[in-house]
Amino acid sequence: MRLDHVQVSCPPGGEEVARAFYRDALGMTELEKPPLLKARGGCWFRAGTAEVHVGVEQDFQPAKKAHPALAVDDLDALAEKLEKRGCPVTWDNETIPGRRRFHTTDGHGNRVEIL
């Protein structure tokens, strides 16, 4: 078994905000959605084998606890890039021994862990 993708939500019309975070800030590549799903809105992204699907939710509430966790090669460089873009970076290197990580939020307030 392997994880295929994680899905987070955004409000209607929130795709450009999602692109600004997942594509522009994190450097993920936007994927073409299948035609039948394209009509529902949202957008999909991939980097390596990690996929994040952003779906439109009418009664959107940001995920404050549930989150994707993305592993990157240069944690410090990405933290610096996100901070320069105004994204919050909250380090947590104590909770899990031996694991450097931080939490941030996408443009809609969904929690994202970077390790």
C-alpha atoms as a PDB file:
ATOM      1  CA  MET A   1       0.000   0.000   0.000  1.00  0.00           C
ATOM      2  CA  ARG A   2       1.105   3.549  -0.645  1.00  0.00           C
ATOM      3  CA  LEU A   3      -0.501   6.930  -0.230  1.00  0.00           C
ATOM      4  CA  ASP A   4      -1.772   8.300  -3.541  1.00  0.00           C
ATOM      5  CA  HIS A   5      -2.781  11.828  -2.511  1.00  0.00           C
ATOM      6  CA  VAL A   6      -4.197  13.980   0.257  1.00  0.00           C
ATOM      7  CA  GLN A   7      -7.039  16.416  -0.207  1.00  0.00           C
ATOM      8  CA  VAL A   8      -7.506  19.759   1.453  1.00  0.00           C
ATOM      9  CA  SER A   9     -10.384  22.148   0.910  1.00  0.00           C
ATOM     10  CA  CYS A  10     -10.843  25.714  -0.183  1.00  0.00           C
ATOM     11  CA  PRO A  11     -13.865  27.974  -0.463  1.00  0.00           C
ATOM     12  CA  PRO A  12     -15.568  28.516  -3.834  1.00  0.00           C
ATOM     13  CA  GLY A  13     -13.300  30.650  -6.026  1.00  0.00           C
ATOM     14  CA  GLY A  14     -10.239  29.884  -3.884  1.00  0.00           C
ATOM     15  CA  GLU A  15      -8.126  28.223  -6.571  1.00  0.00           C
ATOM     16  CA  GLU A  16      -5.780  31.180  -7.178  1.00  0.00           C
ATOM     17  CA  VAL A  17      -4.993  31.418  -3.473  1.00  0.00           C
ATOM     18  CA  ALA A  18      -4.273  27.664  -3.478  1.00  0.00           C
ATOM     19  CA  ARG A  19      -2.003  28.062  -6.521  1.00  0.00           C
ATOM     20  CA  ALA A  20      -0.100  30.879  -4.828  1.00  0.00           C
ATOM     21  CA  PHE A  21       0.751  28.526  -1.961  1.00  0.00           C
ATOM     22  CA  TYR A  22       1.097  25.022  -3.423  1.00  0.00           C
ATOM     23  CA  ARG A  23       2.504  25.975  -6.834  1.00  0.00           C
ATOM     24  CA  ASP A  24       4.307  29.252  -6.218  1.00  0.00           C
ATOM     25  CA  ALA A  25       5.447  29.004  -2.581  1.00  0.00           C
ATOM     26  CA  LEU A  26       6.019  25.237  -2.277  1.00  0.00           C
ATOM     27  CA  GLY A  27       7.122  24.765  -5.901  1.00  0.00           C
ATOM     28  CA  MET A  28       4.688  21.959  -6.697  1.00  0.00           C
ATOM     29  CA  THR A  29       3.605  21.386 -10.295  1.00  0.00           C
ATOM     30  CA  GLU A  30      -0.066  21.881 -11.089  1.00  0.00           C
ATOM     31  CA  LEU A  31      -1.685  18.847 -12.690  1.00  0.00           C
ATOM     32  CA  GLU A  32      -4.463  18.846 -15.265  1.00  0.00           C
ATOM     33  CA  LYS A  33      -7.647  17.583 -13.626  1.00  0.00           C
ATOM     34  CA  PRO A  34      -9.762  15.003 -15.488  1.00  0.00           C
ATOM     35  CA  PRO A  35     -12.523  16.695 -17.520  1.00  0.00           C
ATOM     36  CA  LEU A  36     -15.389  15.417 -15.360  1.00  0.00           C
ATOM     37  CA  LEU A  37     -13.689  16.680 -12.201  1.00  0.00           C
ATOM     38  CA  LYS A  38     -12.567  20.002 -13.676  1.00  0.00           C
ATOM     39  CA  ALA A  39     -16.159  21.256 -13.617  1.00  0.00           C
ATOM     40  CA  ARG A  40     -16.217  20.892  -9.811  1.00  0.00           C
ATOM     41  CA  GLY A  41     -13.433  23.450  -9.404  1.00  0.00           C
ATOM     42  CA  GLY A  42     -10.341  23.012  -7.309  1.00  0.00           C
ATOM     43  CA  CYS A  43      -6.806  22.160  -8.436  1.00  0.00           C
ATOM     44  CA  TRP A  44      -4.250  19.368  -8.084  1.00  0.00           C
ATOM     45  CA  PHE A  45      -0.503  19.572  -7.446  1.00  0.00           C
ATOM     46  CA  ARG A  46       2.457  17.172  -7.433  1.00  0.00           C
ATOM     47  CA  ALA A  47       6.098  17.225  -6.343  1.00  0.00           C
ATOM     48  CA  GLY A  48       7.948  13.913  -6.570  1.00  0.00           C
ATOM     49  CA  THR A  49       5.415  11.293  -5.485  1.00  0.00           C
ATOM     50  CA  ALA A  50       3.466  13.692  -3.242  1.00  0.00           C
ATOM     51  CA  GLU A  51       0.105  14.890  -4.546  1.00  0.00           C
ATOM     52  CA  VAL A  52      -2.169  17.447  -2.926  1.00  0.00           C
ATOM     53  CA  HIS A  53      -5.678  17.858  -4.289  1.00  0.00           C
ATOM     54  CA  VAL A  54      -7.491  21.055  -3.379  1.00  0.00           C
ATOM     55  CA  GLY A  55     -11.256  20.615  -3.537  1.00  0.00           C
ATOM     56  CA  VAL A  56     -13.943  23.263  -3.351  1.00  0.00           C
ATOM     57  CA  GLU A  57     -16.205  23.030  -0.327  1.00  0.00           C
ATOM     58  CA  GLN A  58     -19.307  25.237  -0.116  1.00  0.00           C
ATOM     59  CA  ASP A  59     -19.285  25.444   3.695  1.00  0.00           C
ATOM     60  CA  PHE A  60     -15.506  25.675   3.900  1.00  0.00           C
ATOM     61  CA  GLN A  61     -13.769  25.546   7.271  1.00  0.00           C
ATOM     62  CA  PRO A  62      -9.948  25.351   7.339  1.00  0.00           C
ATOM     63  CA  ALA A  63      -8.399  22.154   8.696  1.00  0.00           C
ATOM     64  CA  LYS A  64      -6.610  23.233  11.861  1.00  0.00           C
ATOM     65  CA  LYS A  65      -5.511  19.749  13.020  1.00  0.00           C
ATOM     66  CA  ALA A  66      -5.690  17.357  10.022  1.00  0.00           C
ATOM     67  CA  HIS A  67      -2.900  18.104   7.557  1.00  0.00           C
ATOM     68  CA  PRO A  68      -0.623  16.852   4.818  1.00  0.00           C
ATOM     69  CA  ALA A  69       3.018  16.400   5.848  1.00  0.00           C
ATOM     70  CA  LEU A  70       5.491  17.054   3.051  1.00  0.00           C
ATOM     71  CA  ALA A  71       9.147  16.001   3.208  1.00  0.00           C
ATOM     72  CA  VAL A  72      11.599  18.341   1.484  1.00  0.00           C
ATOM     73  CA  ASP A  73      15.347  18.283   0.834  1.00  0.00           C
ATOM     74  CA  ASP A  74      16.128  21.751   2.233  1.00  0.00           C
ATOM     75  CA  LEU A  75      13.890  22.510   5.193  1.00  0.00           C
ATOM     76  CA  ASP A  76      15.639  25.750   6.155  1.00  0.00           C
ATOM     77  CA  ALA A  77      15.504  27.197   2.634  1.00  0.00           C
ATOM     78  CA  LEU A  78      11.787  26.483   2.321  1.00  0.00           C
ATOM     79  CA  ALA A  79      11.083  27.957   5.762  1.00  0.00           C
ATOM     80  CA  GLU A  80      12.908  31.116   4.734  1.00  0.00           C
ATOM     81  CA  LYS A  81      11.051  31.296   1.402  1.00  0.00           C
ATOM     82  CA  LEU A  82       7.675  30.883   3.117  1.00  0.00           C
ATOM     83  CA  GLU A  83       8.472  33.509   5.742  1.00  0.00           C
ATOM     84  CA  LYS A  84       9.467  35.977   2.996  1.00  0.00           C
ATOM     85  CA  ARG A  85       6.077  35.345   1.369  1.00  0.00           C
ATOM     86  CA  GLY A  86       4.314  36.096   4.670  1.00  0.00           C
ATOM     87  CA  CYS A  87       3.415  32.501   5.498  1.00  0.00           C
ATOM     88  CA  PRO A  88       3.617  31.531   9.166  1.00  0.00           C
ATOM     89  CA  VAL A  89       6.436  29.148  10.106  1.00  0.00           C
ATOM     90  CA  THR A  90       6.170  27.483  13.515  1.00  0.00           C
ATOM     91  CA  TRP A  91       9.082  25.177  14.288  1.00  0.00           C
ATOM     92  CA  ASP A  92       8.522  21.999  16.312  1.00  0.00           C
ATOM     93  CA  ASN A  93      11.770  20.070  16.690  1.00  0.00           C
ATOM     94  CA  GLU A  94      11.058  18.705  20.168  1.00  0.00           C
ATOM     95  CA  THR A  95       7.783  16.778  19.890  1.00  0.00           C
ATOM     96  CA  ILE A  96       9.168  13.917  17.777  1.00  0.00           C
ATOM     97  CA  PRO A  97      12.782  13.139  18.740  1.00  0.00           C
ATOM     98  CA  GLY A  98      15.152  13.310  15.784  1.00  0.00           C
ATOM     99  CA  ARG A  99      12.668  14.960  13.435  1.00  0.00           C
ATOM    100  CA  ARG A 100      13.096  18.575  12.317  1.00  0.00           C
ATOM    101  CA  ARG A 101       9.839  20.071  11.136  1.00  0.00           C
ATOM    102  CA  PHE A 102       7.654  23.123  11.041  1.00  0.00           C
ATOM    103  CA  HIS A 103       4.005  23.882  10.498  1.00  0.00           C
ATOM    104  CA  THR A 104       2.566  26.531   8.240  1.00  0.00           C
ATOM    105  CA  THR A 105      -0.831  27.232   6.719  1.00  0.00           C
ATOM    106  CA  ASP A 106      -1.902  27.532   3.128  1.00  0.00           C
ATOM    107  CA  GLY A 107      -3.662  30.701   1.995  1.00  0.00           C
ATOM    108  CA  HIS A 108      -6.975  29.379   3.297  1.00  0.00           C
ATOM    109  CA  GLY A 109      -5.738  28.516   6.795  1.00  0.00           C
ATOM    110  CA  ASN A 110      -5.307  24.753   6.284  1.00  0.00           C
ATOM    111  CA  ARG A 111      -2.461  23.345   8.385  1.00  0.00           C
ATOM    112  CA  VAL A 112       0.542  21.937   6.468  1.00  0.00           C
ATOM    113  CA  GLU A 113       3.521  20.189   8.054  1.00  0.00           C
ATOM    114  CA  ILE A 114       6.921  20.404   6.378  1.00  0.00           C
ATOM    115  CA  LEU A 115       9.698  18.020   7.418  1.00  0.00           C
END
